[in-house]
PDB file of N, CA and C in Angstrom:
ATOM      1  N   MET A   1       0.830  -1.178   0.000  1.00  0.00           N
ATOM      2  CA  MET A   1       0.000   0.000   0.000  1.00  0.00           C
ATOM      3  C   MET A   1       0.880   1.249   0.000  1.00  0.00           C
ATOM      4  N   ILE A   2       0.452   2.249  -0.702  1.00  0.00           N
ATOM      5  CA  ILE A   2       1.225   3.477  -0.847  1.00  0.00           C
ATOM      6  C   ILE A   2       0.772   4.487   0.208  1.00  0.00           C
ATOM      7  N   TYR A   3       1.740   5.170   0.808  1.00  0.00           N
ATOM      8  CA  TYR A   3       1.432   6.215   1.771  1.00  0.00           C
ATOM      9  C   TYR A   3       2.052   7.505   1.287  1.00  0.00           C
ATOM     10  N   PRO A   4       1.393   8.582   1.312  1.00  0.00           N
ATOM     11  CA  PRO A   4      -0.029   8.777   1.593  1.00  0.00           C
ATOM     12  C   PRO A   4      -0.884   8.358   0.406  1.00  0.00           C
ATOM     13  N   SER A   5      -2.140   8.084   0.664  1.00  0.00           N
ATOM     14  CA  SER A   5      -3.016   7.601  -0.405  1.00  0.00           C
ATOM     15  C   SER A   5      -3.336   8.724  -1.394  1.00  0.00           C
ATOM     16  N   ILE A   6      -3.579   8.339  -2.618  1.00  0.00           N
ATOM     17  CA  ILE A   6      -3.895   9.316  -3.667  1.00  0.00           C
ATOM     18  C   ILE A   6      -5.188  10.048  -3.345  1.00  0.00           C
ATOM     19  N   ASP A   7      -6.125   9.380  -2.701  1.00  0.00           N
ATOM     20  CA  ASP A   7      -7.386  10.029  -2.329  1.00  0.00           C
ATOM     21  C   ASP A   7      -7.154  11.174  -1.349  1.00  0.00           C
ATOM     22  N   LYS A   8      -6.305  10.944  -0.367  1.00  0.00           N
ATOM     23  CA  LYS A   8      -5.995  11.992   0.607  1.00  0.00           C
ATOM     24  C   LYS A   8      -5.272  13.163  -0.068  1.00  0.00           C
ATOM     25  N   LEU A   9      -4.363  12.838  -0.976  1.00  0.00           N
ATOM     26  CA  LEU A   9      -3.611  13.886  -1.668  1.00  0.00           C
ATOM     27  C   LEU A   9      -4.510  14.720  -2.581  1.00  0.00           C
ATOM     28  N   LEU A  10      -5.471  14.077  -3.234  1.00  0.00           N
ATOM     29  CA  LEU A  10      -6.356  14.811  -4.146  1.00  0.00           C
ATOM     30  C   LEU A  10      -7.364  15.671  -3.404  1.00  0.00           C
ATOM     31  N   ASN A  11      -7.482  15.514  -2.090  1.00  0.00           N
ATOM     32  CA  ASN A  11      -8.283  16.438  -1.292  1.00  0.00           C
ATOM     33  C   ASN A  11      -7.547  17.753  -1.094  1.00  0.00           C
ATOM     34  N   VAL A  12      -6.235  17.709  -1.223  1.00  0.00           N
ATOM     35  CA  VAL A  12      -5.400  18.897  -1.036  1.00  0.00           C
ATOM     36  C   VAL A  12      -5.116  19.587  -2.370  1.00  0.00           C
ATOM     37  N   VAL A  13      -4.845  18.784  -3.395  1.00  0.00           N
ATOM     38  CA  VAL A  13      -4.478  19.289  -4.722  1.00  0.00           C
ATOM     39  C   VAL A  13      -5.591  18.947  -5.704  1.00  0.00           C
ATOM     40  N   ASP A  14      -5.841  19.837  -6.656  1.00  0.00           N
ATOM     41  CA  ASP A  14      -6.960  19.673  -7.580  1.00  0.00           C
ATOM     42  C   ASP A  14      -6.798  18.525  -8.577  1.00  0.00           C
ATOM     43  N   SER A  15      -5.590  18.297  -9.051  1.00  0.00           N
ATOM     44  CA  SER A  15      -5.425  17.284 -10.092  1.00  0.00           C
ATOM     45  C   SER A  15      -4.150  16.469  -9.872  1.00  0.00           C
ATOM     46  N   LYS A  16      -4.121  15.296 -10.464  1.00  0.00           N
ATOM     47  CA  LYS A  16      -2.946  14.430 -10.373  1.00  0.00           C
ATOM     48  C   LYS A  16      -1.738  15.094 -11.022  1.00  0.00           C
ATOM     49  N   TYR A  17      -1.965  15.817 -12.096  1.00  0.00           N
ATOM     50  CA  TYR A  17      -0.873  16.461 -12.827  1.00  0.00           C
ATOM     51  C   TYR A  17      -0.235  17.556 -11.984  1.00  0.00           C
ATOM     52  N   GLN A  18      -1.063  18.327 -11.302  1.00  0.00           N
ATOM     53  CA  GLN A  18      -0.542  19.370 -10.422  1.00  0.00           C
ATOM     54  C   GLN A  18       0.212  18.735  -9.249  1.00  0.00           C
ATOM     55  N   LEU A  19      -0.299  17.634  -8.746  1.00  0.00           N
ATOM     56  CA  LEU A  19       0.351  16.927  -7.651  1.00  0.00           C
ATOM     57  C   LEU A  19       1.749  16.448  -8.053  1.00  0.00           C
ATOM     58  N   VAL A  20       1.872  15.880  -9.240  1.00  0.00           N
ATOM     59  CA  VAL A  20       3.169  15.409  -9.737  1.00  0.00           C
ATOM     60  C   VAL A  20       4.140  16.576  -9.863  1.00  0.00           C
ATOM     61  N   HIS A  21       3.665  17.683 -10.387  1.00  0.00           N
ATOM     62  CA  HIS A  21       4.509  18.867 -10.565  1.00  0.00           C
ATOM     63  C   HIS A  21       5.009  19.385  -9.208  1.00  0.00           C
ATOM     64  N   ILE A  22       4.105  19.498  -8.252  1.00  0.00           N
ATOM     65  CA  ILE A  22       4.461  20.016  -6.925  1.00  0.00           C
ATOM     66  C   ILE A  22       5.445  19.076  -6.223  1.00  0.00           C
ATOM     67  N   ALA A  23       5.164  17.783  -6.265  1.00  0.00           N
ATOM     68  CA  ALA A  23       6.027  16.808  -5.586  1.00  0.00           C
ATOM     69  C   ALA A  23       7.415  16.760  -6.220  1.00  0.00           C
ATOM     70  N   ALA A  24       7.477  16.813  -7.526  1.00  0.00           N
ATOM     71  CA  ALA A  24       8.774  16.787  -8.206  1.00  0.00           C
ATOM     72  C   ALA A  24       9.593  18.027  -7.876  1.00  0.00           C
ATOM     73  N   ARG A  25       8.937  19.166  -7.868  1.00  0.00           N
ATOM     74  CA  ARG A  25       9.627  20.421  -7.564  1.00  0.00           C
ATOM     75  C   ARG A  25      10.156  20.413  -6.124  1.00  0.00           C
ATOM     76  N   ARG A  26       9.319  19.971  -5.193  1.00  0.00           N
ATOM     77  CA  ARG A  26       9.722  19.925  -3.784  1.00  0.00           C
ATOM     78  C   ARG A  26      10.834  18.891  -3.566  1.00  0.00           C
ATOM     79  N   SER A  27      10.753  17.771  -4.262  1.00  0.00           N
ATOM     80  CA  SER A  27      11.771  16.735  -4.150  1.00  0.00           C
ATOM     81  C   SER A  27      13.135  17.258  -4.603  1.00  0.00           C
ATOM     82  N   ARG A  28      13.153  17.971  -5.715  1.00  0.00           N
ATOM     83  CA  ARG A  28      14.411  18.568  -6.198  1.00  0.00           C
ATOM     84  C   ARG A  28      14.944  19.577  -5.188  1.00  0.00           C
ATOM     85  N   GLU A  29      14.041  20.359  -4.602  1.00  0.00           N
ATOM     86  CA  GLU A  29      14.441  21.353  -3.606  1.00  0.00           C
ATOM     87  C   GLU A  29      15.071  20.660  -2.389  1.00  0.00           C
ATOM     88  N   MET A  30      14.475  19.551  -1.952  1.00  0.00           N
ATOM     89  CA  MET A  30      15.031  18.800  -0.823  1.00  0.00           C
ATOM     90  C   MET A  30      16.425  18.283  -1.147  1.00  0.00           C
ATOM     91  N   SER A  31      16.615  17.788  -2.361  1.00  0.00           N
ATOM     92  CA  SER A  31      17.915  17.254  -2.769  1.00  0.00           C
ATOM     93  C   SER A  31      18.992  18.331  -2.784  1.00  0.00           C
ATOM     94  N   LYS A  32      18.626  19.515  -3.239  1.00  0.00           N
ATOM     95  CA  LYS A  32      19.596  20.605  -3.348  1.00  0.00           C
ATOM     96  C   LYS A  32      19.939  21.228  -1.998  1.00  0.00           C
ATOM     97  N   THR A  33      18.915  21.416  -1.143  1.00  0.00           N
ATOM     98  CA  THR A  33      19.118  22.190   0.079  1.00  0.00           C
ATOM     99  C   THR A  33      19.209  21.358   1.351  1.00  0.00           C
ATOM    100  N   ASP A  34      18.802  20.101   1.300  1.00  0.00           N
ATOM    101  CA  ASP A  34      18.725  19.252   2.499  1.00  0.00           C
ATOM    102  C   ASP A  34      17.849  19.874   3.580  1.00  0.00           C
ATOM    103  N   PHE A  35      16.850  20.653   3.180  1.00  0.00           N
ATOM    104  CA  PHE A  35      15.892  21.237   4.124  1.00  0.00           C
ATOM    105  C   PHE A  35      14.616  20.414   4.105  1.00  0.00           C
ATOM    106  N   TYR A  36      14.211  19.941   5.279  1.00  0.00           N
ATOM    107  CA  TYR A  36      12.992  19.162   5.428  1.00  0.00           C
ATOM    108  C   TYR A  36      12.085  19.868   6.425  1.00  0.00           C
ATOM    109  N   GLN A  37      10.795  19.852   6.184  1.00  0.00           N
ATOM    110  CA  GLN A  37       9.864  20.576   7.037  1.00  0.00           C
ATOM    111  C   GLN A  37       9.461  19.788   8.279  1.00  0.00           C
ATOM    112  N   MET A  38       9.799  18.519   8.316  1.00  0.00           N
ATOM    113  CA  MET A  38       9.539  17.700   9.496  1.00  0.00           C
ATOM    114  C   MET A  38      10.854  17.038   9.892  1.00  0.00           C
ATOM    115  N   PRO A  39      10.956  16.589  11.131  1.00  0.00           N
ATOM    116  CA  PRO A  39      12.159  15.818  11.499  1.00  0.00           C
ATOM    117  C   PRO A  39      12.262  14.567  10.624  1.00  0.00           C
ATOM    118  N   ILE A  40      13.461  14.197  10.239  1.00  0.00           N
ATOM    119  CA  ILE A  40      13.690  13.075   9.320  1.00  0.00           C
ATOM    120  C   ILE A  40      13.033  11.794   9.825  1.00  0.00           C
ATOM    121  N   ASN A  41      13.047  11.553  11.119  1.00  0.00           N
ATOM    122  CA  ASN A  41      12.482  10.307  11.645  1.00  0.00           C
ATOM    123  C   ASN A  41      10.951  10.278  11.603  1.00  0.00           C
ATOM    124  N   LYS A  42      10.305  11.391  11.296  1.00  0.00           N
ATOM    125  CA  LYS A  42       8.838  11.439  11.193  1.00  0.00           C
ATOM    126  C   LYS A  42       8.344  11.003   9.813  1.00  0.00           C
ATOM    127  N   TYR A  43       9.221  11.030   8.816  1.00  0.00           N
ATOM    128  CA  TYR A  43       8.840  10.608   7.468  1.00  0.00           C
ATOM    129  C   TYR A  43       8.765   9.093   7.392  1.00  0.00           C
ATOM    130  N   LYS A  44       7.765   8.577   6.702  1.00  0.00           N
ATOM    131  CA  LYS A  44       7.666   7.137   6.484  1.00  0.00           C
ATOM    132  C   LYS A  44       8.499   6.721   5.281  1.00  0.00           C
ATOM    133  N   SER A  45       8.651   7.613   4.319  1.00  0.00           N
ATOM    134  CA  SER A  45       9.391   7.314   3.103  1.00  0.00           C
ATOM    135  C   SER A  45      10.868   7.645   3.277  1.00  0.00           C
ATOM    136  N   SER A  46      11.704   6.875   2.611  1.00  0.00           N
ATOM    137  CA  SER A  46      13.138   7.145   2.665  1.00  0.00           C
ATOM    138  C   SER A  46      13.606   7.983   1.476  1.00  0.00           C
ATOM    139  N   LYS A  47      12.746   8.155   0.477  1.00  0.00           N
ATOM    140  CA  LYS A  47      13.108   8.921  -0.715  1.00  0.00           C
ATOM    141  C   LYS A  47      12.431  10.290  -0.682  1.00  0.00           C
ATOM    142  N   ASN A  48      13.088  11.258  -1.305  1.00  0.00           N
ATOM    143  CA  ASN A  48      12.580  12.628  -1.273  1.00  0.00           C
ATOM    144  C   ASN A  48      11.225  12.783  -1.953  1.00  0.00           C
ATOM    145  N   ILE A  49      10.961  12.021  -2.997  1.00  0.00           N
ATOM    146  CA  ILE A  49       9.671  12.155  -3.676  1.00  0.00           C
ATOM    147  C   ILE A  49       8.539  11.732  -2.736  1.00  0.00           C
ATOM    148  N   GLY A  50       8.753  10.679  -1.996  1.00  0.00           N
ATOM    149  CA  GLY A  50       7.768  10.231  -1.011  1.00  0.00           C
ATOM    150  C   GLY A  50       7.629  11.225   0.127  1.00  0.00           C
ATOM    151  N   ARG A  51       8.737  11.793   0.544  1.00  0.00           N
ATOM    152  CA  ARG A  51       8.711  12.804   1.605  1.00  0.00           C
ATOM    153  C   ARG A  51       7.955  14.047   1.151  1.00  0.00           C
ATOM    154  N   ALA A  52       8.131  14.426  -0.100  1.00  0.00           N
ATOM    155  CA  ALA A  52       7.407  15.575  -0.644  1.00  0.00           C
ATOM    156  C   ALA A  52       5.903  15.308  -0.636  1.00  0.00           C
ATOM    157  N   LEU A  53       5.499  14.107  -1.006  1.00  0.00           N
ATOM    158  CA  LEU A  53       4.083  13.749  -0.981  1.00  0.00           C
ATOM    159  C   LEU A  53       3.542  13.743   0.448  1.00  0.00           C
ATOM    160  N   GLU A  54       4.345  13.308   1.396  1.00  0.00           N
ATOM    161  CA  GLU A  54       3.928  13.347   2.793  1.00  0.00           C
ATOM    162  C   GLU A  54       3.729  14.784   3.258  1.00  0.00           C
ATOM    163  N   GLU A  55       4.594  15.697   2.824  1.00  0.00           N
ATOM    164  CA  GLU A  55       4.452  17.106   3.185  1.00  0.00           C
ATOM    165  C   GLU A  55       3.173  17.694   2.597  1.00  0.00           C
ATOM    166  N   VAL A  56       2.842  17.306   1.380  1.00  0.00           N
ATOM    167  CA  VAL A  56       1.586  17.765   0.765  1.00  0.00           C
ATOM    168  C   VAL A  56       0.411  17.253   1.585  1.00  0.00           C
ATOM    169  N   ALA A  57       0.433  15.985   1.947  1.00  0.00           N
ATOM    170  CA  ALA A  57      -0.668  15.383   2.706  1.00  0.00           C
ATOM    171  C   ALA A  57      -0.824  16.035   4.077  1.00  0.00           C
ATOM    172  N   GLU A  58       0.272  16.431   4.688  1.00  0.00           N
ATOM    173  CA  GLU A  58       0.233  17.056   6.014  1.00  0.00           C
ATOM    174  C   GLU A  58      -0.142  18.537   5.949  1.00  0.00           C
ATOM    175  N   GLY A  59      -0.218  19.092   4.750  1.00  0.00           N
ATOM    176  CA  GLY A  59      -0.567  20.508   4.613  1.00  0.00           C
ATOM    177  C   GLY A  59       0.604  21.441   4.832  1.00  0.00           C
ATOM    178  N   LEU A  60       1.805  20.932   4.752  1.00  0.00           N
ATOM    179  CA  LEU A  60       2.999  21.754   4.954  1.00  0.00           C
ATOM    180  C   LEU A  60       3.381  22.546   3.712  1.00  0.00           C
ATOM    181  N   ILE A  61       2.825  22.161   2.584  1.00  0.00           N
ATOM    182  CA  ILE A  61       3.074  22.875   1.334  1.00  0.00           C
ATOM    183  C   ILE A  61       1.774  23.560   0.935  1.00  0.00           C
ATOM    184  N   THR A  62       1.828  24.860   0.767  1.00  0.00           N
ATOM    185  CA  THR A  62       0.629  25.590   0.369  1.00  0.00           C
ATOM    186  C   THR A  62       0.587  25.692  -1.145  1.00  0.00           C
ATOM    187  N   ILE A  63      -0.593  25.506  -1.682  1.00  0.00           N
ATOM    188  CA  ILE A  63      -0.788  25.562  -3.122  1.00  0.00           C
ATOM    189  C   ILE A  63      -1.561  26.830  -3.443  1.00  0.00           C
ATOM    190  N   LYS A  64      -0.939  27.679  -4.232  1.00  0.00           N
ATOM    191  CA  LYS A  64      -1.606  28.912  -4.642  1.00  0.00           C
ATOM    192  C   LYS A  64      -2.456  28.614  -5.865  1.00  0.00           C
ATOM    193  N   LYS A  65      -3.696  29.011  -5.809  1.00  0.00           N
ATOM    194  CA  LYS A  65      -4.593  28.813  -6.942  1.00  0.00           C
ATOM    195  C   LYS A  65      -4.454  30.006  -7.877  1.00  0.00           C
ATOM    196  N   LYS A  66      -4.287  29.723  -9.142  1.00  0.00           N
ATOM    197  CA  LYS A  66      -4.163  30.767 -10.133  1.00  0.00           C
ATOM    198  C   LYS A  66      -5.537  31.357 -10.412  1.00  0.00           C
ATOM    199  N   GLU A  67      -5.632  32.664 -10.326  1.00  0.00           N
ATOM    200  CA  GLU A  67      -6.912  33.314 -10.576  1.00  0.00           C
ATOM    201  C   GLU A  67      -7.104  33.496 -12.067  1.00  0.00           C
ATOM    202  N   ASP A  68      -8.330  33.319 -12.509  1.00  0.00           N
ATOM    203  CA  ASP A  68      -8.651  33.492 -13.934  1.00  0.00           C
ATOM    204  C   ASP A  68      -8.661  34.962 -14.292  1.00  0.00           C
ATOM    205  N   ASP A  69      -8.075  35.270 -15.439  1.00  0.00           N
ATOM    206  CA  ASP A  69      -8.077  36.649 -15.942  1.00  0.00           C
ATOM    207  C   ASP A  69      -9.297  36.809 -16.842  1.00  0.00           C
ATOM    208  N   ASP A  70     -10.225  37.657 -16.443  1.00  0.00           N
ATOM    209  CA  ASP A  70     -11.435  37.878 -17.227  1.00  0.00           C
ATOM    210  C   ASP A  70     -11.301  39.051 -18.176  1.00  0.00           C
ATOM    211  N   GLU A  71     -10.115  39.603 -18.271  1.00  0.00           N
ATOM    212  CA  GLU A  71      -9.924  40.776 -19.124  1.00  0.00           C
ATOM    213  C   GLU A  71      -9.734  40.395 -20.553  1.00  0.00           C
TER     214      GLU A  71
END
């Protein structure tokens, strides 16, 4: 079984495509900076991509919604 579940993640993010983009971007950031928003021992995943998904599920990553331009 995968943690966190896709159902839980899609409650936070609107689409699977946006979720992949956010997780990949955060994973690269973790690799470059070694900055984690939770203590390392709190993560269930050993890989940064899984850790990024856990951060999304926990609400540690805020997603800005793009506003539609009606002009």
